[in-house]
């Protein structure tokens, strides 16, 4: 994993650290998640798909036929 240097205002950094601490994470992890979500959103992933994968929910694919949809 590579390191990068960011320049952000002192107040924003302080608030970010406080937020991270309250939520049991780190500023580094918050930046990683933000970047990942931004890139995936631009790549065509929907917000719902992202939430499902982030939460680790497994879904199965099921196709309904016409009779099932209209209870015939």
Protein backbone atom coordinates (compact mmCIF):
# COMPACT_ATOMS: atom_id res chain seq x y z
CA UNK A 1 0.00 0.00 0.00
CA UNK A 2 1.32 3.43 -0.93
CA UNK A 3 1.32 6.51 1.27
CA UNK A 4 0.15 9.92 0.08
CA UNK A 5 0.30 13.37 1.61
CA UNK A 6 -2.80 15.56 1.76
CA UNK A 7 -3.05 19.22 2.61
CA UNK A 8 -6.25 20.10 4.45
CA UNK A 9 -7.16 22.91 6.83
CA UNK A 10 -6.27 22.31 10.49
CA UNK A 11 -9.89 22.66 11.62
CA UNK A 12 -11.07 20.05 9.10
CA UNK A 13 -8.36 17.64 10.22
CA UNK A 14 -9.32 18.08 13.86
CA UNK A 15 -13.02 17.53 13.15
CA UNK A 16 -12.15 14.51 11.00
CA UNK A 17 -10.12 12.96 13.82
CA UNK A 18 -12.95 13.56 16.29
CA UNK A 19 -15.51 12.05 13.92
CA UNK A 20 -13.30 9.03 13.25
CA UNK A 21 -12.72 8.43 16.95
CA UNK A 22 -16.46 8.62 17.74
CA UNK A 23 -17.17 6.14 14.94
CA UNK A 24 -14.38 3.68 15.71
CA UNK A 25 -12.38 4.26 12.57
CA UNK A 26 -9.44 6.33 11.34
CA UNK A 27 -9.09 9.33 9.06
CA UNK A 28 -7.08 7.10 6.72
CA UNK A 29 -9.93 4.60 6.49
CA UNK A 30 -12.47 7.38 5.93
CA UNK A 31 -10.39 8.72 3.02
CA UNK A 32 -10.03 5.21 1.56
CA UNK A 33 -13.80 4.67 1.70
CA UNK A 34 -14.52 8.10 0.23
CA UNK A 35 -12.14 7.51 -2.69
CA UNK A 36 -13.46 3.99 -3.31
CA UNK A 37 -17.10 5.12 -3.25
CA UNK A 38 -16.37 8.07 -5.54
CA UNK A 39 -14.55 5.92 -8.09
CA UNK A 40 -17.19 3.18 -8.02
CA UNK A 41 -19.99 5.73 -8.41
CA UNK A 42 -18.25 7.13 -11.48
CA UNK A 43 -17.77 3.59 -12.81
CA UNK A 44 -21.50 2.92 -12.94
CA UNK A 45 -22.05 1.27 -9.56
CA UNK A 46 -25.27 2.35 -7.95
CA UNK A 47 -25.44 3.53 -4.36
CA UNK A 48 -27.52 0.48 -3.49
CA UNK A 49 -25.01 -1.96 -4.99
CA UNK A 50 -22.24 -0.25 -3.07
CA UNK A 51 -24.19 -0.43 0.20
CA UNK A 52 -24.94 -4.10 -0.32
CA UNK A 53 -21.31 -4.98 -0.95
CA UNK A 54 -20.08 -2.78 1.92
CA UNK A 55 -22.49 -4.47 4.34
CA UNK A 56 -21.55 -7.91 3.05
CA UNK A 57 -25.12 -8.80 2.09
CA UNK A 58 -25.34 -11.67 -0.35
CA UNK A 59 -28.23 -11.68 -2.77
CA UNK A 60 -29.40 -14.35 -5.11
CA UNK A 61 -30.57 -13.80 -8.62
CA UNK A 62 -34.15 -14.83 -9.29
CA UNK A 63 -36.22 -14.28 -12.40
CA UNK A 64 -39.97 -14.07 -12.18
CA UNK A 65 -42.04 -15.38 -15.01
CA UNK A 66 -45.21 -13.67 -16.16
CA UNK A 67 -47.56 -16.12 -14.42
CA UNK A 68 -45.81 -15.63 -11.08
CA UNK A 69 -46.01 -11.87 -11.38
CA UNK A 70 -49.71 -11.88 -12.14
CA UNK A 71 -50.56 -14.86 -9.88
CA UNK A 72 -52.17 -16.91 -12.64
